Amino acid sequence: MFAENITMPMLTWMYRFTRWILGCIFIYSGTTKLLAPKTFAVLIEAYGLVPDGLLMPMAITLPVLEVVAGAGLLVDIRGSLSVITGLLLLFIAILGYGILMGLDVDCGCFGPEDPESEAFHGLRPALYRDAFMLVAIGFLFAWRRYRNVRQRTINRLVNGQFTKINITPTYGKEES
């Protein structure tokens, strides 16, 4: 009983911290790419997976999704973790493709001025980092299921109730 009294609050804070860190990473990553979409389009083109006509729409859409989903994860909006999971799986698949093809390109993970690309200049470190983030996402999904956490809905934002959103998780019942 004593261990549960200490462990549950610690795991709750770990859930929040992990959610906030992942949200901030995706907001930062998306923002740096949005600041230079043409350069990001060149990075996407290096993989050879996207037709030329879709490079700019892709170079804008992916970062916007990252920023919106990252912001949603900060306040625990329903669907944001699923979007981030989908993006991360896409990034892992593309990095795996690049490694299998022997590409020597910048991963493009944090935009055109990515210090990682200068330090490592390889795709494997980015793949390992993304796999670690996927493990963190697994923890978030497991904690939500274990504690029956219900995410907030976007209705609060649409109805102008943004200031009433509490950044702590809700348990058991859904807020609308």
C-alpha atoms as a PDB file:
ATOM      1  CA  MET A   1       0.000   0.000   0.000  1.00  0.00           C
ATOM      2  CA  PHE A   2       2.811   2.418   0.889  1.00  0.00           C
ATOM      3  CA  ALA A   3       4.640   1.742  -2.383  1.00  0.00           C
ATOM      4  CA  GLU A   4       1.450   2.393  -4.373  1.00  0.00           C
ATOM      5  CA  ASN A   5       0.955   5.740  -2.589  1.00  0.00           C
ATOM      6  CA  ILE A   6       4.411   6.855  -3.720  1.00  0.00           C
ATOM      7  CA  THR A   7       4.523   5.193  -7.143  1.00  0.00           C
ATOM      8  CA  MET A   8       1.220   6.436  -8.569  1.00  0.00           C
ATOM      9  CA  PRO A   9       1.930  10.174  -8.157  1.00  0.00           C
ATOM     10  CA  MET A  10       5.435   9.638  -9.499  1.00  0.00           C
ATOM     11  CA  LEU A  11       4.114   7.799 -12.548  1.00  0.00           C
ATOM     12  CA  THR A  12       1.457  10.479 -13.044  1.00  0.00           C
ATOM     13  CA  TRP A  13       4.159  13.132 -13.144  1.00  0.00           C
ATOM     14  CA  MET A  14       6.229  10.937 -15.435  1.00  0.00           C
ATOM     15  CA  TYR A  15       3.201  10.714 -17.752  1.00  0.00           C
ATOM     16  CA  ARG A  16       2.863  14.513 -17.776  1.00  0.00           C
ATOM     17  CA  PHE A  17       6.589  15.111 -18.222  1.00  0.00           C
ATOM     18  CA  THR A  18       6.836  12.619 -21.094  1.00  0.00           C
ATOM     19  CA  ARG A  19       3.791  14.150 -22.756  1.00  0.00           C
ATOM     20  CA  TRP A  20       5.201  17.680 -22.419  1.00  0.00           C
ATOM     21  CA  ILE A  21       8.665  16.708 -23.659  1.00  0.00           C
ATOM     22  CA  LEU A  22       7.288  14.917 -26.722  1.00  0.00           C
ATOM     23  CA  GLY A  23       4.932  17.815 -27.414  1.00  0.00           C
ATOM     24  CA  CYS A  24       7.777  20.345 -27.196  1.00  0.00           C
ATOM     25  CA  ILE A  25      10.025  18.228 -29.428  1.00  0.00           C
ATOM     26  CA  PHE A  26       7.366  18.061 -32.135  1.00  0.00           C
ATOM     27  CA  ILE A  27       6.518  21.760 -31.845  1.00  0.00           C
ATOM     28  CA  TYR A  28      10.201  22.691 -32.157  1.00  0.00           C
ATOM     29  CA  SER A  29      10.783  20.269 -35.008  1.00  0.00           C
ATOM     30  CA  GLY A  30       7.763  21.465 -36.962  1.00  0.00           C
ATOM     31  CA  THR A  31       8.492  25.137 -36.363  1.00  0.00           C
ATOM     32  CA  THR A  32      12.076  24.920 -37.619  1.00  0.00           C
ATOM     33  CA  LYS A  33      10.848  23.209 -40.781  1.00  0.00           C
ATOM     34  CA  LEU A  34       8.101  25.787 -41.314  1.00  0.00           C
ATOM     35  CA  LEU A  35      10.659  28.590 -41.139  1.00  0.00           C
ATOM     36  CA  ALA A  36      12.406  27.230 -44.259  1.00  0.00           C
ATOM     37  CA  PRO A  37       9.936  25.087 -46.240  1.00  0.00           C
ATOM     38  CA  LYS A  38      11.970  25.224 -49.470  1.00  0.00           C
ATOM     39  CA  THR A  39      15.027  23.850 -47.731  1.00  0.00           C
ATOM     40  CA  PHE A  40      12.905  21.162 -46.091  1.00  0.00           C
ATOM     41  CA  ALA A  41      11.469  20.289 -49.523  1.00  0.00           C
ATOM     42  CA  VAL A  42      15.048  19.737 -50.756  1.00  0.00           C
ATOM     43  CA  LEU A  43      15.658  17.398 -47.792  1.00  0.00           C
ATOM     44  CA  ILE A  44      12.478  15.468 -48.637  1.00  0.00           C
ATOM     45  CA  GLU A  45      13.530  15.269 -52.282  1.00  0.00           C
ATOM     46  CA  ALA A  46      16.834  13.654 -51.286  1.00  0.00           C
ATOM     47  CA  TYR A  47      14.949  10.517 -50.254  1.00  0.00           C
ATOM     48  CA  GLY A  48      13.332  10.191 -53.693  1.00  0.00           C
ATOM     49  CA  LEU A  49       9.962   9.071 -52.339  1.00  0.00           C
ATOM     50  CA  VAL A  50       7.762  12.069 -53.159  1.00  0.00           C
ATOM     51  CA  PRO A  51       6.919  13.313 -56.682  1.00  0.00           C
ATOM     52  CA  ASP A  52       8.180  16.814 -57.473  1.00  0.00           C
ATOM     53  CA  GLY A  53       4.682  18.289 -57.584  1.00  0.00           C
ATOM     54  CA  LEU A  54       3.990  17.204 -54.008  1.00  0.00           C
ATOM     55  CA  LEU A  55       7.277  18.358 -52.452  1.00  0.00           C
ATOM     56  CA  MET A  56       6.122  21.823 -51.324  1.00  0.00           C
ATOM     57  CA  PRO A  57       2.697  20.698 -50.078  1.00  0.00           C
ATOM     58  CA  MET A  58       4.434  17.918 -48.152  1.00  0.00           C
ATOM     59  CA  ALA A  59       7.088  20.325 -46.834  1.00  0.00           C
ATOM     60  CA  ILE A  60       4.327  22.457 -45.361  1.00  0.00           C
ATOM     61  CA  THR A  61       1.781  19.818 -44.323  1.00  0.00           C
ATOM     62  CA  LEU A  62       4.142  17.606 -42.292  1.00  0.00           C
ATOM     63  CA  PRO A  63       5.496  20.448 -40.118  1.00  0.00           C
ATOM     64  CA  VAL A  64       2.003  21.880 -39.569  1.00  0.00           C
ATOM     65  CA  LEU A  65       0.845  18.437 -38.406  1.00  0.00           C
ATOM     66  CA  GLU A  66       3.848  18.235 -36.083  1.00  0.00           C
ATOM     67  CA  VAL A  67       3.140  21.631 -34.518  1.00  0.00           C
ATOM     68  CA  VAL A  68      -0.612  21.080 -34.136  1.00  0.00           C
ATOM     69  CA  ALA A  69      -0.235  17.553 -32.737  1.00  0.00           C
ATOM     70  CA  GLY A  70       2.584  18.674 -30.424  1.00  0.00           C
ATOM     71  CA  ALA A  71       0.453  21.522 -29.077  1.00  0.00           C
ATOM     72  CA  GLY A  72      -2.451  19.113 -28.662  1.00  0.00           C
ATOM     73  CA  LEU A  73      -0.240  16.744 -26.712  1.00  0.00           C
ATOM     74  CA  LEU A  74       0.767  19.532 -24.321  1.00  0.00           C
ATOM     75  CA  VAL A  75      -2.846  19.960 -23.239  1.00  0.00           C
ATOM     76  CA  ASP A  76      -3.819  16.318 -23.829  1.00  0.00           C
ATOM     77  CA  ILE A  77      -6.292  16.836 -26.675  1.00  0.00           C
ATOM     78  CA  ARG A  78      -7.854  13.640 -27.997  1.00  0.00           C
ATOM     79  CA  GLY A  79      -6.132  12.318 -31.127  1.00  0.00           C
ATOM     80  CA  SER A  80      -2.887  14.246 -30.760  1.00  0.00           C
ATOM     81  CA  LEU A  81      -0.915  11.262 -29.452  1.00  0.00           C
ATOM     82  CA  SER A  82      -2.264   9.110 -32.276  1.00  0.00           C
ATOM     83  CA  VAL A  83      -1.194  11.690 -34.863  1.00  0.00           C
ATOM     84  CA  ILE A  84       2.271  11.898 -33.322  1.00  0.00           C
ATOM     85  CA  THR A  85       2.475   8.103 -33.310  1.00  0.00           C
ATOM     86  CA  GLY A  86       1.561   8.003 -37.004  1.00  0.00           C
ATOM     87  CA  LEU A  87       4.113  10.691 -37.847  1.00  0.00           C
ATOM     88  CA  LEU A  88       6.807   8.911 -35.866  1.00  0.00           C
ATOM     89  CA  LEU A  89       6.065   5.585 -37.567  1.00  0.00           C
ATOM     90  CA  LEU A  90       6.253   7.355 -40.930  1.00  0.00           C
ATOM     91  CA  PHE A  91       9.591   8.913 -39.989  1.00  0.00           C
ATOM     92  CA  ILE A  92      10.953   5.557 -38.797  1.00  0.00           C
ATOM     93  CA  ALA A  93       9.874   3.889 -42.054  1.00  0.00           C
ATOM     94  CA  ILE A  94      11.548   6.644 -44.112  1.00  0.00           C
ATOM     95  CA  LEU A  95      14.730   6.496 -42.042  1.00  0.00           C
ATOM     96  CA  GLY A  96      14.769   2.694 -42.398  1.00  0.00           C
ATOM     97  CA  TYR A  97      14.344   3.085 -46.156  1.00  0.00           C
ATOM     98  CA  GLY A  98      17.225   5.565 -46.250  1.00  0.00           C
ATOM     99  CA  ILE A  99      19.466   3.212 -44.284  1.00  0.00           C
ATOM    100  CA  LEU A 100      18.582   0.221 -46.482  1.00  0.00           C
ATOM    101  CA  MET A 101      19.236   2.256 -49.631  1.00  0.00           C
ATOM    102  CA  GLY A 102      22.562   3.467 -48.230  1.00  0.00           C
ATOM    103  CA  LEU A 103      21.592   7.138 -48.514  1.00  0.00           C
ATOM    104  CA  ASP A 104      24.031   9.625 -47.015  1.00  0.00           C
ATOM    105  CA  VAL A 105      21.594  12.469 -46.399  1.00  0.00           C
ATOM    106  CA  ASP A 106      20.465  14.704 -43.580  1.00  0.00           C
ATOM    107  CA  CYS A 107      17.461  13.152 -41.867  1.00  0.00           C
ATOM    108  CA  GLY A 108      15.645  16.504 -41.920  1.00  0.00           C
ATOM    109  CA  CYS A 109      14.276  15.831 -38.456  1.00  0.00           C
ATOM    110  CA  PHE A 110      14.843  19.288 -37.032  1.00  0.00           C
ATOM    111  CA  GLY A 111      14.862  21.361 -40.186  1.00  0.00           C
ATOM    112  CA  PRO A 112      17.649  22.735 -42.323  1.00  0.00           C
ATOM    113  CA  GLU A 113      19.892  23.925 -39.487  1.00  0.00           C
ATOM    114  CA  ASP A 114      19.834  20.596 -37.683  1.00  0.00           C
ATOM    115  CA  PRO A 115      22.993  20.346 -35.538  1.00  0.00           C
ATOM    116  CA  GLU A 116      22.546  16.556 -35.497  1.00  0.00           C
ATOM    117  CA  SER A 117      23.203  16.404 -39.231  1.00  0.00           C
ATOM    118  CA  GLU A 118      26.526  18.183 -38.799  1.00  0.00           C
ATOM    119  CA  ALA A 119      27.595  16.107 -35.814  1.00  0.00           C
ATOM    120  CA  PHE A 120      26.612  12.625 -37.009  1.00  0.00           C
ATOM    121  CA  HIS A 121      25.684  12.955 -40.687  1.00  0.00           C
ATOM    122  CA  GLY A 122      23.826   9.713 -40.706  1.00  0.00           C
ATOM    123  CA  LEU A 123      20.388   8.260 -40.386  1.00  0.00           C
ATOM    124  CA  ARG A 124      21.045   5.648 -37.714  1.00  0.00           C
ATOM    125  CA  PRO A 125      21.210   8.058 -34.735  1.00  0.00           C
ATOM    126  CA  ALA A 126      17.913   9.592 -35.868  1.00  0.00           C
ATOM    127  CA  LEU A 127      16.380   6.116 -36.143  1.00  0.00           C
ATOM    128  CA  TYR A 128      17.527   5.246 -32.611  1.00  0.00           C
ATOM    129  CA  ARG A 129      16.156   8.536 -31.261  1.00  0.00           C
ATOM    130  CA  ASP A 130      12.799   7.952 -32.973  1.00  0.00           C
ATOM    131  CA  ALA A 131      12.650   4.391 -31.625  1.00  0.00           C
ATOM    132  CA  PHE A 132      13.251   5.761 -28.121  1.00  0.00           C
ATOM    133  CA  MET A 133      10.424   8.274 -28.627  1.00  0.00           C
ATOM    134  CA  LEU A 134       8.207   5.394 -29.782  1.00  0.00           C
ATOM    135  CA  VAL A 135       8.917   3.615 -26.482  1.00  0.00           C
ATOM    136  CA  ALA A 136       7.899   6.814 -24.648  1.00  0.00           C
ATOM    137  CA  ILE A 137       4.681   6.902 -26.680  1.00  0.00           C
ATOM    138  CA  GLY A 138       4.066   3.280 -25.697  1.00  0.00           C
ATOM    139  CA  PHE A 139       4.346   4.336 -22.052  1.00  0.00           C
ATOM    140  CA  LEU A 140       1.801   7.133 -22.617  1.00  0.00           C
ATOM    141  CA  PHE A 141      -0.689   4.766 -24.253  1.00  0.00           C
ATOM    142  CA  ALA A 142      -0.169   2.148 -21.513  1.00  0.00           C
ATOM    143  CA  TRP A 143      -0.611   4.714 -18.751  1.00  0.00           C
ATOM    144  CA  ARG A 144      -3.794   6.046 -20.349  1.00  0.00           C
ATOM    145  CA  ARG A 145      -5.202   2.546 -20.525  1.00  0.00           C
ATOM    146  CA  TYR A 146      -4.084   1.571 -17.004  1.00  0.00           C
ATOM    147  CA  ARG A 147      -5.391   4.742 -15.347  1.00  0.00           C
ATOM    148  CA  ASN A 148      -8.372   5.135 -17.701  1.00  0.00           C
ATOM    149  CA  VAL A 149      -7.240   8.623 -18.711  1.00  0.00           C
ATOM    150  CA  ARG A 150      -9.681  10.400 -21.006  1.00  0.00           C
ATOM    151  CA  GLN A 151      -8.255  13.094 -23.221  1.00  0.00           C
ATOM    152  CA  ARG A 152      -9.927  16.425 -23.593  1.00  0.00           C
ATOM    153  CA  THR A 153     -11.941  17.191 -26.698  1.00  0.00           C
ATOM    154  CA  ILE A 154     -11.349  20.032 -29.101  1.00  0.00           C
ATOM    155  CA  ASN A 155     -14.871  21.350 -28.328  1.00  0.00           C
ATOM    156  CA  ARG A 156     -13.461  23.364 -25.447  1.00  0.00           C
ATOM    157  CA  LEU A 157     -11.172  25.218 -27.803  1.00  0.00           C
ATOM    158  CA  VAL A 158     -13.908  25.806 -30.388  1.00  0.00           C
ATOM    159  CA  ASN A 159     -16.350  27.065 -27.748  1.00  0.00           C
ATOM    160  CA  GLY A 160     -13.821  29.566 -26.399  1.00  0.00           C
ATOM    161  CA  GLN A 161     -13.153  27.702 -23.169  1.00  0.00           C
ATOM    162  CA  PHE A 162      -9.412  27.368 -23.720  1.00  0.00           C
ATOM    163  CA  THR A 163      -8.521  29.081 -20.457  1.00  0.00           C
ATOM    164  CA  LYS A 164     -10.453  26.446 -18.515  1.00  0.00           C
ATOM    165  CA  ILE A 165      -8.332  23.549 -19.786  1.00  0.00           C
ATOM    166  CA  ASN A 166      -6.392  21.966 -16.983  1.00  0.00           C
ATOM    167  CA  ILE A 167      -3.035  20.507 -18.014  1.00  0.00           C
ATOM    168  CA  THR A 168      -3.357  17.576 -15.631  1.00  0.00           C
ATOM    169  CA  PRO A 169      -4.889  14.337 -16.897  1.00  0.00           C
ATOM    170  CA  THR A 170      -8.504  13.516 -16.132  1.00  0.00           C
ATOM    171  CA  TYR A 171      -9.339  10.070 -14.905  1.00  0.00           C
ATOM    172  CA  GLY A 172     -12.449   8.035 -15.462  1.00  0.00           C
ATOM    173  CA  LYS A 173     -14.815  10.448 -17.145  1.00  0.00           C
ATOM    174  CA  GLU A 174     -14.431  12.529 -20.260  1.00  0.00           C
ATOM    175  CA  GLU A 175     -14.507  16.305 -20.177  1.00  0.00           C
ATOM    176  CA  SER A 176     -16.361  18.029 -22.951  1.00  0.00           C
END
